[in-house]
């Protein structure tokens, strides 16, 4: 059997029909929503407009509920731990 860089199965999972359907449903739920796409786009613009590149090291853009954005550490922003 020839191995590829994706593994012995060519990157495909061997799933039963029911497991494959369940996985498709989960993957569809996890797809980025319109709100998520908007947040990603505005965060990229926000980061691009910051002139001091050193400020961006290990920082994420946090979208506050009032619509403002600020830089916070990656550790605090992942999982929405920011208050």
N, C-alpha and C. Protein backbone atom coordinates (compact mmCIF):
# COMPACT_ATOMS: atom_id res chain seq x y z
N UNK A 1 0.83 -1.17 0.00
CA UNK A 1 0.00 0.00 0.00
C UNK A 1 0.88 1.24 0.00
N UNK A 2 0.57 2.16 -0.88
CA UNK A 2 1.34 3.39 -0.98
C UNK A 2 0.80 4.42 0.02
N UNK A 3 1.68 4.99 0.82
CA UNK A 3 1.26 5.97 1.82
C UNK A 3 1.36 7.36 1.21
N UNK A 4 0.40 8.20 1.51
CA UNK A 4 0.43 9.58 1.05
C UNK A 4 0.74 10.47 2.24
N UNK A 5 0.89 11.75 1.98
CA UNK A 5 1.14 12.68 3.07
C UNK A 5 -0.11 12.83 3.94
N UNK A 6 -1.25 12.38 3.46
CA UNK A 6 -2.48 12.48 4.22
C UNK A 6 -2.76 11.20 5.01
N UNK A 7 -1.89 10.26 4.98
CA UNK A 7 -2.11 9.01 5.70
C UNK A 7 -2.36 7.86 4.76
N UNK A 8 -2.54 6.67 5.30
CA UNK A 8 -2.67 5.49 4.46
C UNK A 8 -3.96 5.45 3.64
N UNK A 9 -5.01 6.17 4.08
CA UNK A 9 -6.28 6.15 3.37
C UNK A 9 -6.45 7.34 2.43
N UNK A 10 -5.38 8.08 2.20
CA UNK A 10 -5.48 9.25 1.34
C UNK A 10 -6.25 10.38 1.98
N UNK A 11 -6.33 10.41 3.30
CA UNK A 11 -7.01 11.49 4.00
C UNK A 11 -8.49 11.25 4.20
N UNK A 12 -9.01 10.10 3.79
CA UNK A 12 -10.43 9.83 3.95
C UNK A 12 -10.66 8.95 5.17
N UNK A 13 -11.76 9.22 5.86
CA UNK A 13 -12.14 8.38 6.99
C UNK A 13 -13.03 7.26 6.49
N UNK A 14 -12.83 6.08 7.00
CA UNK A 14 -13.70 4.97 6.65
C UNK A 14 -14.84 4.94 7.66
N UNK A 15 -16.00 5.49 7.27
CA UNK A 15 -17.14 5.59 8.16
C UNK A 15 -18.31 4.80 7.60
N UNK A 16 -19.13 4.32 8.49
CA UNK A 16 -20.37 3.67 8.05
C UNK A 16 -21.32 4.75 7.53
N UNK A 17 -22.37 4.31 6.86
CA UNK A 17 -23.34 5.26 6.30
C UNK A 17 -23.93 6.15 7.38
N UNK A 18 -24.36 5.55 8.50
CA UNK A 18 -24.99 6.36 9.55
C UNK A 18 -23.99 7.30 10.22
N UNK A 19 -22.76 6.85 10.40
CA UNK A 19 -21.74 7.70 11.00
C UNK A 19 -21.40 8.86 10.07
N UNK A 20 -21.34 8.58 8.76
CA UNK A 20 -21.04 9.63 7.79
C UNK A 20 -22.14 10.70 7.78
N UNK A 21 -23.41 10.28 7.83
CA UNK A 21 -24.53 11.23 7.85
C UNK A 21 -24.50 12.07 9.13
N UNK A 22 -24.20 11.44 10.25
CA UNK A 22 -24.14 12.18 11.52
C UNK A 22 -23.01 13.21 11.48
N UNK A 23 -21.88 12.82 10.91
CA UNK A 23 -20.74 13.74 10.82
C UNK A 23 -21.05 14.91 9.90
N UNK A 24 -21.75 14.64 8.80
CA UNK A 24 -22.14 15.73 7.89
C UNK A 24 -23.03 16.73 8.60
N UNK A 25 -23.94 16.23 9.43
CA UNK A 25 -24.82 17.13 10.18
C UNK A 25 -24.05 17.99 11.16
N UNK A 26 -23.08 17.38 11.87
CA UNK A 26 -22.27 18.14 12.82
C UNK A 26 -21.42 19.18 12.10
N UNK A 27 -20.82 18.79 10.97
CA UNK A 27 -19.97 19.71 10.23
C UNK A 27 -20.77 20.89 9.70
N UNK A 28 -22.01 20.64 9.27
CA UNK A 28 -22.85 21.71 8.75
C UNK A 28 -23.20 22.69 9.87
N UNK A 29 -23.43 22.16 11.09
CA UNK A 29 -23.74 23.02 12.22
C UNK A 29 -22.55 23.92 12.56
N UNK A 30 -21.35 23.38 12.40
CA UNK A 30 -20.14 24.11 12.79
C UNK A 30 -19.68 25.11 11.73
N UNK A 31 -20.31 25.07 10.55
CA UNK A 31 -19.91 25.99 9.49
C UNK A 31 -20.09 27.43 9.97
N UNK A 32 -19.27 28.32 9.49
CA UNK A 32 -19.29 29.68 9.96
C UNK A 32 -20.59 30.39 9.55
N UNK A 33 -21.23 31.01 10.52
CA UNK A 33 -22.47 31.73 10.28
C UNK A 33 -22.16 33.07 9.63
N UNK A 34 -23.20 33.76 9.20
CA UNK A 34 -23.02 35.09 8.61
C UNK A 34 -22.40 36.04 9.63
N UNK A 35 -22.83 35.92 10.88
CA UNK A 35 -22.27 36.78 11.93
C UNK A 35 -20.78 36.47 12.12
N UNK A 36 -20.42 35.19 12.08
CA UNK A 36 -19.02 34.82 12.22
C UNK A 36 -18.17 35.35 11.08
N UNK A 37 -18.71 35.29 9.86
CA UNK A 37 -17.98 35.82 8.70
C UNK A 37 -17.78 37.32 8.84
N UNK A 38 -18.81 38.02 9.31
CA UNK A 38 -18.71 39.48 9.50
C UNK A 38 -17.67 39.80 10.56
N UNK A 39 -17.69 39.07 11.68
CA UNK A 39 -16.72 39.31 12.75
C UNK A 39 -15.30 39.07 12.26
N UNK A 40 -15.11 38.02 11.47
CA UNK A 40 -13.77 37.72 10.95
C UNK A 40 -13.29 38.84 10.03
N UNK A 41 -14.18 39.30 9.16
CA UNK A 41 -13.81 40.36 8.22
C UNK A 41 -13.45 41.66 8.95
N UNK A 42 -14.28 42.06 9.93
CA UNK A 42 -14.00 43.30 10.64
C UNK A 42 -12.75 43.19 11.50
N UNK A 43 -12.47 42.00 12.06
CA UNK A 43 -11.27 41.81 12.86
C UNK A 43 -10.02 41.93 11.98
N UNK A 44 -10.09 41.40 10.75
CA UNK A 44 -8.95 41.50 9.84
C UNK A 44 -8.68 42.96 9.48
N UNK A 45 -9.72 43.74 9.23
CA UNK A 45 -9.56 45.16 8.90
C UNK A 45 -8.98 45.89 10.11
N UNK A 46 -9.48 45.61 11.30
CA UNK A 46 -9.01 46.23 12.53
C UNK A 46 -7.52 45.97 12.72
N UNK A 47 -7.10 44.71 12.54
CA UNK A 47 -5.68 44.36 12.70
C UNK A 47 -4.81 45.03 11.64
N UNK A 48 -5.32 45.09 10.39
CA UNK A 48 -4.55 45.70 9.31
C UNK A 48 -4.30 47.18 9.55
N UNK A 49 -5.23 47.85 10.22
CA UNK A 49 -5.11 49.30 10.44
C UNK A 49 -4.20 49.66 11.60
N UNK A 50 -3.75 48.68 12.39
CA UNK A 50 -2.84 48.96 13.49
C UNK A 50 -1.43 49.07 12.93
N UNK A 51 -0.81 50.21 13.17
CA UNK A 51 0.50 50.49 12.59
C UNK A 51 1.64 49.83 13.35
N UNK A 52 1.51 49.72 14.67
CA UNK A 52 2.57 49.14 15.49
C UNK A 52 2.39 47.62 15.51
N UNK A 53 3.18 46.92 14.71
CA UNK A 53 3.05 45.48 14.55
C UNK A 53 3.37 44.75 15.85
N UNK A 54 4.23 45.30 16.69
CA UNK A 54 4.59 44.66 17.95
C UNK A 54 3.39 44.53 18.88
N UNK A 55 2.40 45.41 18.75
CA UNK A 55 1.20 45.34 19.58
C UNK A 55 0.38 44.09 19.27
N UNK A 56 0.51 43.55 18.06
CA UNK A 56 -0.33 42.44 17.62
C UNK A 56 0.17 41.07 18.06
N UNK A 57 1.40 41.01 18.59
CA UNK A 57 1.97 39.72 18.96
C UNK A 57 1.15 39.06 20.05
N UNK A 58 0.69 37.83 19.80
CA UNK A 58 -0.10 37.03 20.73
C UNK A 58 -1.40 37.72 21.14
N UNK A 59 -1.99 38.48 20.24
CA UNK A 59 -3.24 39.19 20.53
C UNK A 59 -4.31 38.80 19.52
N UNK A 60 -5.55 38.81 19.98
CA UNK A 60 -6.73 38.61 19.15
C UNK A 60 -7.60 39.84 19.27
N UNK A 61 -8.47 40.03 18.28
CA UNK A 61 -9.43 41.12 18.34
C UNK A 61 -10.68 40.59 19.03
N UNK A 62 -11.11 41.28 20.07
CA UNK A 62 -12.32 40.89 20.80
C UNK A 62 -13.45 41.82 20.40
N UNK A 63 -14.58 41.23 19.98
CA UNK A 63 -15.78 42.00 19.65
C UNK A 63 -16.62 42.11 20.91
N UNK A 64 -16.78 43.31 21.43
CA UNK A 64 -17.60 43.52 22.62
C UNK A 64 -19.06 43.59 22.23
N UNK A 65 -19.94 43.41 23.21
CA UNK A 65 -21.38 43.41 22.94
C UNK A 65 -21.87 44.79 22.51
N UNK A 66 -21.15 45.85 22.87
CA UNK A 66 -21.56 47.19 22.45
C UNK A 66 -21.08 47.54 21.04
N UNK A 67 -20.39 46.61 20.38
CA UNK A 67 -19.94 46.82 19.01
C UNK A 67 -18.50 47.28 18.88
N UNK A 68 -17.87 47.62 20.01
CA UNK A 68 -16.48 48.05 19.95
C UNK A 68 -15.55 46.85 19.85
N UNK A 69 -14.32 47.10 19.42
CA UNK A 69 -13.32 46.04 19.31
C UNK A 69 -12.07 46.46 20.05
N UNK A 70 -11.38 45.48 20.62
CA UNK A 70 -10.12 45.77 21.30
C UNK A 70 -9.22 44.54 21.21
N UNK A 71 -7.94 44.77 21.42
CA UNK A 71 -6.97 43.67 21.41
C UNK A 71 -6.88 43.06 22.81
N UNK A 72 -6.99 41.75 22.86
CA UNK A 72 -6.81 41.03 24.13
C UNK A 72 -5.90 39.84 23.85
N UNK A 73 -5.39 39.23 24.90
CA UNK A 73 -4.48 38.10 24.71
C UNK A 73 -5.24 36.93 24.10
N UNK A 74 -4.53 36.12 23.35
CA UNK A 74 -5.13 34.96 22.69
C UNK A 74 -5.75 34.04 23.73
N UNK A 75 -5.07 33.86 24.85
CA UNK A 75 -5.54 32.95 25.89
C UNK A 75 -6.89 33.39 26.46
N UNK A 76 -7.07 34.68 26.65
CA UNK A 76 -8.33 35.16 27.23
C UNK A 76 -9.45 35.21 26.21
N UNK A 77 -9.15 35.42 24.93
CA UNK A 77 -10.20 35.60 23.93
C UNK A 77 -10.77 34.28 23.45
N UNK A 78 -10.02 33.20 23.45
CA UNK A 78 -10.53 31.92 22.95
C UNK A 78 -11.50 31.35 23.97
N UNK A 79 -12.64 30.95 23.55
CA UNK A 79 -13.64 30.40 24.45
C UNK A 79 -14.47 31.47 25.13
N UNK A 80 -14.35 32.71 24.71
CA UNK A 80 -15.16 33.84 25.20
C UNK A 80 -15.06 34.01 26.70
N UNK A 81 -13.83 34.06 27.21
CA UNK A 81 -13.61 34.27 28.64
C UNK A 81 -13.52 35.75 28.98
N UNK A 82 -13.51 36.62 27.97
CA UNK A 82 -13.35 38.06 28.19
C UNK A 82 -14.65 38.62 28.72
N UNK A 83 -14.55 39.49 29.71
CA UNK A 83 -15.76 40.12 30.27
C UNK A 83 -15.82 41.57 29.88
